[in-house]
Amino acid sequence: MKTIGWTLANAALCGALALTAVGSAVAPAAAQAQVGLGPRLWCFVSPNDMPGDPNFGRCASFYPGSRTYRADLEVRGLPAGSYTYVWSSEWAGTLPCSTQSCTRTYRGDSPVSDLISVTYTNLATGESDTLANTVQINGPI
């Protein structure tokens, strides 16, 4: 004859196994939502006192006393193909960059908040999209 304790223990074990099975079925969907799948605008501002996230860089710097700061930006994660790029800055308008990467230099004597955007167009399909990132230097995020 089975005891109530034995029945409850079996029920708990079956529940744990069921949750494990559901968790492993959900894992591929979670992996698809991770950074690195699809286009993104990578950015890193230097000099910088903090390391950047390898997927997004660090588009902010609070490194004190530099006379100039450099923002390196790059479109990453595009499918193979040929693209055109049009870069723009909230401060400077259209930028003279025409490849998948662009560099902006800023003076270090005042806080900076500049929205950088890039529109890329797939030459084979004509599809285009715009990515953006905000450069923050010595100011609020």
N, C-alpha and C. Protein backbone atom coordinates (compact mmCIF):
# COMPACT_ATOMS: atom_id res chain seq x y z
N MET A 1 0.83 -1.17 0.00
CA MET A 1 0.00 0.00 0.00
C MET A 1 0.90 1.25 0.00
N LYS A 2 0.58 2.20 -0.85
CA LYS A 2 1.38 3.41 -0.98
C LYS A 2 0.96 4.42 0.08
N THR A 3 1.96 5.12 0.60
CA THR A 3 1.66 6.14 1.60
C THR A 3 1.45 7.49 0.91
N ILE A 4 0.86 8.39 1.67
CA ILE A 4 0.65 9.75 1.14
C ILE A 4 1.99 10.42 0.88
N GLY A 5 2.97 10.20 1.72
CA GLY A 5 4.30 10.77 1.53
C GLY A 5 4.94 10.30 0.24
N TRP A 6 4.81 8.97 -0.03
CA TRP A 6 5.37 8.42 -1.27
C TRP A 6 4.68 9.03 -2.49
N THR A 7 3.37 9.20 -2.44
CA THR A 7 2.61 9.77 -3.54
C THR A 7 3.01 11.23 -3.77
N LEU A 8 3.15 11.98 -2.69
CA LEU A 8 3.56 13.39 -2.83
C LEU A 8 4.98 13.50 -3.38
N ALA A 9 5.87 12.63 -2.95
CA ALA A 9 7.24 12.65 -3.46
C ALA A 9 7.26 12.35 -4.96
N ASN A 10 6.49 11.37 -5.40
CA ASN A 10 6.42 11.06 -6.83
C ASN A 10 5.81 12.21 -7.62
N ALA A 11 4.79 12.84 -7.05
CA ALA A 11 4.17 13.98 -7.73
C ALA A 11 5.17 15.13 -7.87
N ALA A 12 5.95 15.38 -6.83
CA ALA A 12 6.96 16.45 -6.89
C ALA A 12 8.03 16.13 -7.92
N LEU A 13 8.47 14.87 -7.95
CA LEU A 13 9.47 14.46 -8.93
C LEU A 13 8.94 14.60 -10.35
N CYS A 14 7.71 14.18 -10.60
CA CYS A 14 7.11 14.32 -11.94
C CYS A 14 6.97 15.78 -12.32
N GLY A 15 6.59 16.63 -11.36
CA GLY A 15 6.47 18.06 -11.63
C GLY A 15 7.81 18.68 -12.00
N ALA A 16 8.87 18.29 -11.26
CA ALA A 16 10.20 18.81 -11.56
C ALA A 16 10.67 18.37 -12.93
N LEU A 17 10.41 17.11 -13.27
CA LEU A 17 10.78 16.63 -14.61
C LEU A 17 10.02 17.35 -15.70
N ALA A 18 8.74 17.61 -15.46
CA ALA A 18 7.93 18.34 -16.45
C ALA A 18 8.45 19.76 -16.65
N LEU A 19 8.80 20.43 -15.53
CA LEU A 19 9.34 21.79 -15.65
C LEU A 19 10.67 21.79 -16.38
N THR A 20 11.50 20.79 -16.14
CA THR A 20 12.78 20.69 -16.85
C THR A 20 12.54 20.52 -18.34
N ALA A 21 11.58 19.68 -18.70
CA ALA A 21 11.29 19.47 -20.12
C ALA A 21 10.77 20.75 -20.76
N VAL A 22 9.88 21.48 -20.06
CA VAL A 22 9.35 22.73 -20.60
C VAL A 22 10.48 23.75 -20.72
N GLY A 23 11.35 23.82 -19.71
CA GLY A 23 12.46 24.77 -19.74
C GLY A 23 13.39 24.53 -20.91
N SER A 24 13.67 23.26 -21.23
CA SER A 24 14.56 22.99 -22.36
C SER A 24 13.87 23.27 -23.68
N ALA A 25 12.55 23.17 -23.73
CA ALA A 25 11.82 23.50 -24.97
C ALA A 25 11.80 25.01 -25.18
N VAL A 26 11.83 25.79 -24.09
CA VAL A 26 11.79 27.25 -24.19
C VAL A 26 13.17 27.81 -24.48
N ALA A 27 14.23 27.11 -24.13
CA ALA A 27 15.59 27.63 -24.27
C ALA A 27 15.93 28.09 -25.68
N PRO A 28 15.56 27.36 -26.76
CA PRO A 28 15.91 27.87 -28.08
C PRO A 28 15.27 29.23 -28.38
N ALA A 29 14.03 29.45 -27.93
CA ALA A 29 13.38 30.74 -28.16
C ALA A 29 14.13 31.84 -27.42
N ALA A 30 14.56 31.55 -26.20
CA ALA A 30 15.31 32.54 -25.44
C ALA A 30 16.64 32.83 -26.12
N ALA A 31 17.27 31.82 -26.66
CA ALA A 31 18.55 32.02 -27.36
C ALA A 31 18.36 32.91 -28.58
N GLN A 32 17.23 32.79 -29.25
CA GLN A 32 16.98 33.61 -30.42
C GLN A 32 16.83 35.07 -30.05
N ALA A 33 16.38 35.34 -28.82
CA ALA A 33 16.18 36.72 -28.40
C ALA A 33 17.47 37.37 -27.90
N GLN A 34 18.55 36.62 -27.83
CA GLN A 34 19.80 37.16 -27.33
C GLN A 34 20.41 38.15 -28.30
N VAL A 35 21.23 39.03 -27.73
CA VAL A 35 21.95 40.02 -28.52
C VAL A 35 22.86 39.30 -29.50
N GLY A 36 23.01 39.85 -30.67
CA GLY A 36 23.92 39.28 -31.64
C GLY A 36 23.18 38.72 -32.84
N LEU A 37 21.88 38.60 -32.73
CA LEU A 37 21.10 38.11 -33.84
C LEU A 37 20.40 39.29 -34.48
N GLY A 38 20.86 39.66 -35.64
CA GLY A 38 20.25 40.79 -36.34
C GLY A 38 21.14 42.02 -36.27
N PRO A 39 20.85 42.99 -37.11
CA PRO A 39 21.67 44.20 -37.18
C PRO A 39 21.60 45.03 -35.91
N ARG A 40 22.71 45.65 -35.57
CA ARG A 40 22.77 46.56 -34.44
C ARG A 40 23.86 47.59 -34.71
N LEU A 41 23.77 48.71 -34.05
CA LEU A 41 24.77 49.76 -34.19
C LEU A 41 25.71 49.71 -32.99
N TRP A 42 26.91 49.17 -33.20
CA TRP A 42 27.92 49.08 -32.17
C TRP A 42 28.57 50.44 -32.02
N CYS A 43 28.93 50.80 -30.79
CA CYS A 43 29.53 52.11 -30.53
C CYS A 43 30.49 52.01 -29.36
N PHE A 44 31.63 52.67 -29.45
CA PHE A 44 32.55 52.77 -28.32
C PHE A 44 33.16 54.16 -28.31
N VAL A 45 33.11 54.82 -27.15
CA VAL A 45 33.70 56.15 -26.98
C VAL A 45 35.00 56.00 -26.20
N SER A 46 36.06 56.64 -26.69
CA SER A 46 37.34 56.61 -25.97
C SER A 46 37.89 58.03 -25.87
N PRO A 47 38.70 58.35 -24.86
CA PRO A 47 39.10 57.46 -23.79
C PRO A 47 37.90 57.13 -22.91
N ASN A 48 38.03 55.99 -22.21
CA ASN A 48 36.94 55.51 -21.39
C ASN A 48 37.52 54.81 -20.18
N ASP A 49 36.86 54.96 -19.05
CA ASP A 49 37.33 54.32 -17.82
C ASP A 49 36.66 52.98 -17.58
N MET A 50 35.73 52.59 -18.44
CA MET A 50 34.99 51.34 -18.27
C MET A 50 35.08 50.50 -19.55
N PRO A 51 35.19 49.17 -19.40
CA PRO A 51 35.15 48.32 -20.60
C PRO A 51 33.75 48.33 -21.19
N GLY A 52 33.64 47.99 -22.44
CA GLY A 52 32.35 47.97 -23.10
C GLY A 52 31.80 46.58 -23.26
N ASP A 53 30.51 46.50 -23.46
CA ASP A 53 29.84 45.24 -23.79
C ASP A 53 30.31 44.84 -25.18
N PRO A 54 30.77 43.60 -25.39
CA PRO A 54 31.28 43.24 -26.71
C PRO A 54 30.23 43.35 -27.82
N ASN A 55 28.95 43.28 -27.48
CA ASN A 55 27.90 43.38 -28.50
C ASN A 55 27.55 44.82 -28.85
N PHE A 56 27.57 45.70 -27.86
CA PHE A 56 27.14 47.07 -28.11
C PHE A 56 28.22 48.11 -27.86
N GLY A 57 29.36 47.71 -27.28
CA GLY A 57 30.39 48.68 -26.97
C GLY A 57 30.01 49.48 -25.74
N ARG A 58 30.54 50.67 -25.63
CA ARG A 58 30.17 51.58 -24.55
C ARG A 58 30.09 52.96 -25.18
N CYS A 59 28.89 53.41 -25.44
CA CYS A 59 28.67 54.65 -26.17
C CYS A 59 28.62 55.86 -25.24
N ALA A 60 29.25 55.71 -24.07
CA ALA A 60 29.30 56.81 -23.11
C ALA A 60 30.68 56.82 -22.46
N SER A 61 31.15 58.01 -22.10
CA SER A 61 32.42 58.13 -21.39
C SER A 61 32.31 59.23 -20.35
N PHE A 62 32.79 58.91 -19.17
CA PHE A 62 32.87 59.89 -18.10
C PHE A 62 34.32 60.04 -17.66
N TYR A 63 35.22 59.72 -18.60
CA TYR A 63 36.66 59.83 -18.35
C TYR A 63 37.00 61.31 -18.27
N PRO A 64 37.49 61.77 -17.12
CA PRO A 64 37.69 63.22 -16.94
C PRO A 64 38.95 63.76 -17.61
N GLY A 65 38.88 64.99 -18.05
CA GLY A 65 40.06 65.73 -18.45
C GLY A 65 40.58 65.54 -19.86
N SER A 66 39.91 64.77 -20.69
CA SER A 66 40.42 64.59 -22.05
C SER A 66 40.05 65.81 -22.90
N ARG A 67 40.96 66.20 -23.76
CA ARG A 67 40.70 67.35 -24.65
C ARG A 67 39.77 66.96 -25.79
N THR A 68 39.84 65.69 -26.22
CA THR A 68 38.95 65.20 -27.28
C THR A 68 38.49 63.78 -26.94
N TYR A 69 37.36 63.43 -27.50
CA TYR A 69 36.81 62.08 -27.37
C TYR A 69 36.50 61.57 -28.76
N ARG A 70 36.65 60.28 -28.95
CA ARG A 70 36.40 59.67 -30.26
C ARG A 70 35.30 58.62 -30.11
N ALA A 71 34.28 58.72 -30.94
CA ALA A 71 33.21 57.73 -30.97
C ALA A 71 33.37 56.90 -32.24
N ASP A 72 33.63 55.62 -32.06
CA ASP A 72 33.73 54.68 -33.18
C ASP A 72 32.40 53.94 -33.26
N LEU A 73 31.77 53.97 -34.43
CA LEU A 73 30.48 53.32 -34.63
C LEU A 73 30.59 52.36 -35.80
N GLU A 74 29.84 51.25 -35.71
CA GLU A 74 29.89 50.25 -36.77
C GLU A 74 28.58 49.47 -36.81
N VAL A 75 28.08 49.24 -38.01
CA VAL A 75 26.91 48.39 -38.21
C VAL A 75 27.39 46.95 -38.16
N ARG A 76 26.80 46.18 -37.26
CA ARG A 76 27.18 44.77 -37.12
C ARG A 76 25.94 43.89 -37.23
N GLY A 77 26.16 42.66 -37.67
CA GLY A 77 25.08 41.68 -37.70
C GLY A 77 24.22 41.69 -38.96
N LEU A 78 24.67 42.36 -40.00
CA LEU A 78 23.91 42.33 -41.26
C LEU A 78 24.15 41.02 -41.99
N PRO A 79 23.15 40.51 -42.69
CA PRO A 79 23.38 39.33 -43.52
C PRO A 79 24.38 39.66 -44.64
N ALA A 80 25.00 38.63 -45.18
CA ALA A 80 25.95 38.85 -46.27
C ALA A 80 25.26 39.58 -47.42
N GLY A 81 25.97 40.46 -48.07
CA GLY A 81 25.42 41.22 -49.18
C GLY A 81 26.14 42.53 -49.36
N SER A 82 25.67 43.31 -50.32
CA SER A 82 26.23 44.64 -50.58
C SER A 82 25.24 45.68 -50.09
N TYR A 83 25.77 46.68 -49.38
CA TYR A 83 24.92 47.70 -48.77
C TYR A 83 25.47 49.09 -49.04
N THR A 84 24.58 50.07 -49.03
CA THR A 84 24.99 51.46 -48.97
C THR A 84 24.65 51.96 -47.56
N TYR A 85 25.38 52.98 -47.12
CA TYR A 85 25.21 53.50 -45.76
C TYR A 85 25.12 55.02 -45.83
N VAL A 86 24.16 55.60 -45.12
CA VAL A 86 24.06 57.04 -44.98
C VAL A 86 24.03 57.33 -43.48
N TRP A 87 25.06 58.03 -43.01
CA TRP A 87 25.22 58.33 -41.59
C TRP A 87 24.78 59.77 -41.30
N SER A 88 24.19 59.99 -40.14
CA SER A 88 23.84 61.35 -39.75
C SER A 88 24.00 61.52 -38.24
N SER A 89 24.15 62.78 -37.87
CA SER A 89 24.35 63.17 -36.48
C SER A 89 23.34 64.25 -36.15
N GLU A 90 22.79 64.19 -34.95
CA GLU A 90 21.87 65.23 -34.51
C GLU A 90 22.56 66.59 -34.49
N TRP A 91 23.86 66.59 -34.17
CA TRP A 91 24.63 67.83 -34.11
C TRP A 91 25.13 68.30 -35.46
N ALA A 92 25.59 67.36 -36.31
CA ALA A 92 26.32 67.75 -37.51
C ALA A 92 25.57 67.47 -38.81
N GLY A 93 24.40 66.89 -38.75
CA GLY A 93 23.69 66.55 -39.98
C GLY A 93 24.30 65.33 -40.64
N THR A 94 24.30 65.30 -41.97
CA THR A 94 24.85 64.16 -42.71
C THR A 94 26.36 64.09 -42.49
N LEU A 95 26.85 62.89 -42.20
CA LEU A 95 28.27 62.69 -41.95
C LEU A 95 28.97 62.19 -43.21
N PRO A 96 30.28 62.43 -43.34
CA PRO A 96 31.02 62.04 -44.54
C PRO A 96 31.43 60.56 -44.54
N CYS A 97 30.66 59.70 -43.92
CA CYS A 97 30.96 58.27 -43.87
C CYS A 97 30.06 57.55 -44.88
N SER A 98 30.62 56.56 -45.58
CA SER A 98 29.81 55.83 -46.57
C SER A 98 30.03 54.32 -46.49
N THR A 99 30.69 53.85 -45.42
CA THR A 99 30.91 52.42 -45.24
C THR A 99 30.17 51.97 -43.98
N GLN A 100 30.36 50.73 -43.57
CA GLN A 100 29.63 50.23 -42.41
C GLN A 100 30.17 50.77 -41.09
N SER A 101 31.25 51.57 -41.13
CA SER A 101 31.75 52.17 -39.89
C SER A 101 31.95 53.67 -40.07
N CYS A 102 31.91 54.36 -38.94
CA CYS A 102 32.04 55.82 -38.95
C CYS A 102 32.68 56.26 -37.64
N THR A 103 33.46 57.33 -37.68
CA THR A 103 34.11 57.87 -36.50
C THR A 103 33.75 59.34 -36.36
N ARG A 104 33.43 59.74 -35.11
CA ARG A 104 33.16 61.15 -34.81
C ARG A 104 34.09 61.58 -33.69
N THR A 105 34.61 62.79 -33.78
CA THR A 105 35.46 63.34 -32.73
C THR A 105 34.72 64.50 -32.08
N TYR A 106 34.79 64.54 -30.74
CA TYR A 106 34.11 65.59 -29.97
C TYR A 106 35.13 66.28 -29.08
N ARG A 107 34.94 67.59 -28.87
CA ARG A 107 35.77 68.33 -27.94
C ARG A 107 35.41 67.92 -26.53
N GLY A 108 36.40 67.94 -25.65
CA GLY A 108 36.18 67.47 -24.29
C GLY A 108 35.83 68.53 -23.27
N ASP A 109 35.57 69.74 -23.70
CA ASP A 109 35.36 70.80 -22.72
C ASP A 109 33.90 71.00 -22.30
N SER A 110 32.98 70.21 -22.81
CA SER A 110 31.58 70.34 -22.40
C SER A 110 30.87 68.99 -22.56
N PRO A 111 29.76 68.82 -21.85
CA PRO A 111 28.99 67.56 -21.98
C PRO A 111 28.44 67.41 -23.40
N VAL A 112 28.36 66.15 -23.84
CA VAL A 112 27.87 65.83 -25.19
C VAL A 112 26.76 64.81 -25.10
N SER A 113 25.71 65.04 -25.86
CA SER A 113 24.67 64.04 -26.09
C SER A 113 24.29 64.18 -27.56
N ASP A 114 24.74 63.24 -28.38
CA ASP A 114 24.55 63.33 -29.83
C ASP A 114 23.95 62.03 -30.34
N LEU A 115 22.82 62.11 -31.00
CA LEU A 115 22.16 60.94 -31.58
C LEU A 115 22.77 60.68 -32.96
N ILE A 116 23.39 59.51 -33.11
CA ILE A 116 23.97 59.10 -34.39
C ILE A 116 23.07 58.04 -35.00
N SER A 117 22.75 58.20 -36.27
CA SER A 117 21.93 57.19 -36.95
C SER A 117 22.57 56.83 -38.28
N VAL A 118 22.25 55.62 -38.72
CA VAL A 118 22.74 55.14 -40.01
C VAL A 118 21.57 54.43 -40.70
N THR A 119 21.38 54.76 -41.95
CA THR A 119 20.40 54.05 -42.77
C THR A 119 21.18 53.21 -43.75
N TYR A 120 20.92 51.91 -43.71
CA TYR A 120 21.61 51.00 -44.63
C TYR A 120 20.58 50.43 -45.60
N THR A 121 21.01 50.24 -46.84
CA THR A 121 20.14 49.71 -47.89
C THR A 121 20.82 48.51 -48.54
N ASN A 122 20.10 47.41 -48.64
CA ASN A 122 20.58 46.21 -49.31
C ASN A 122 20.45 46.45 -50.81
N LEU A 123 21.56 46.44 -51.53
CA LEU A 123 21.53 46.75 -52.97
C LEU A 123 20.81 45.69 -53.79
N ALA A 124 20.79 44.44 -53.32
CA ALA A 124 20.12 43.37 -54.08
C ALA A 124 18.61 43.42 -53.92
N THR A 125 18.13 43.77 -52.72
CA THR A 125 16.68 43.73 -52.47
C THR A 125 16.04 45.10 -52.40
N GLY A 126 16.84 46.14 -52.18
CA GLY A 126 16.30 47.48 -52.03
C GLY A 126 15.75 47.74 -50.63
N GLU A 127 15.77 46.75 -49.76
CA GLU A 127 15.28 46.93 -48.39
C GLU A 127 16.23 47.81 -47.61
N SER A 128 15.67 48.67 -46.76
CA SER A 128 16.52 49.53 -45.93
C SER A 128 15.96 49.60 -44.52
N ASP A 129 16.81 50.00 -43.61
CA ASP A 129 16.42 50.17 -42.22
C ASP A 129 17.36 51.19 -41.60
N THR A 130 16.97 51.73 -40.46
CA THR A 130 17.78 52.72 -39.76
C THR A 130 18.07 52.24 -38.35
N LEU A 131 19.32 52.39 -37.94
CA LEU A 131 19.75 52.09 -36.58
C LEU A 131 20.25 53.38 -35.96
N ALA A 132 20.16 53.50 -34.63
CA ALA A 132 20.62 54.71 -33.97
C ALA A 132 21.20 54.37 -32.61
N ASN A 133 22.08 55.26 -32.14
CA ASN A 133 22.68 55.15 -30.82
C ASN A 133 23.03 56.56 -30.35
N THR A 134 22.98 56.78 -29.06
CA THR A 134 23.29 58.09 -28.52
C THR A 134 24.68 58.10 -27.89
N VAL A 135 25.51 59.03 -28.32
CA VAL A 135 26.84 59.23 -27.75
C VAL A 135 26.67 60.16 -26.56
N GLN A 136 27.16 59.72 -25.39
CA GLN A 136 27.09 60.53 -24.16
C GLN A 136 28.51 60.72 -23.65
N ILE A 137 28.90 61.97 -23.43
CA ILE A 137 30.23 62.27 -22.90
C ILE A 137 30.10 63.28 -21.78
N ASN A 138 30.59 62.90 -20.60
CA ASN A 138 30.61 63.78 -19.43
C ASN A 138 29.29 64.46 -19.12
N GLY A 139 28.21 63.74 -19.32
CA GLY A 139 26.91 64.30 -19.01
C GLY A 139 25.97 63.21 -18.57
N PRO A 140 24.72 63.55 -18.33
CA PRO A 140 23.76 62.55 -17.88
C PRO A 140 23.44 61.55 -18.98
N ILE A 141 23.13 60.34 -18.56
CA ILE A 141 22.75 59.31 -19.54
C ILE A 141 21.26 59.33 -19.69
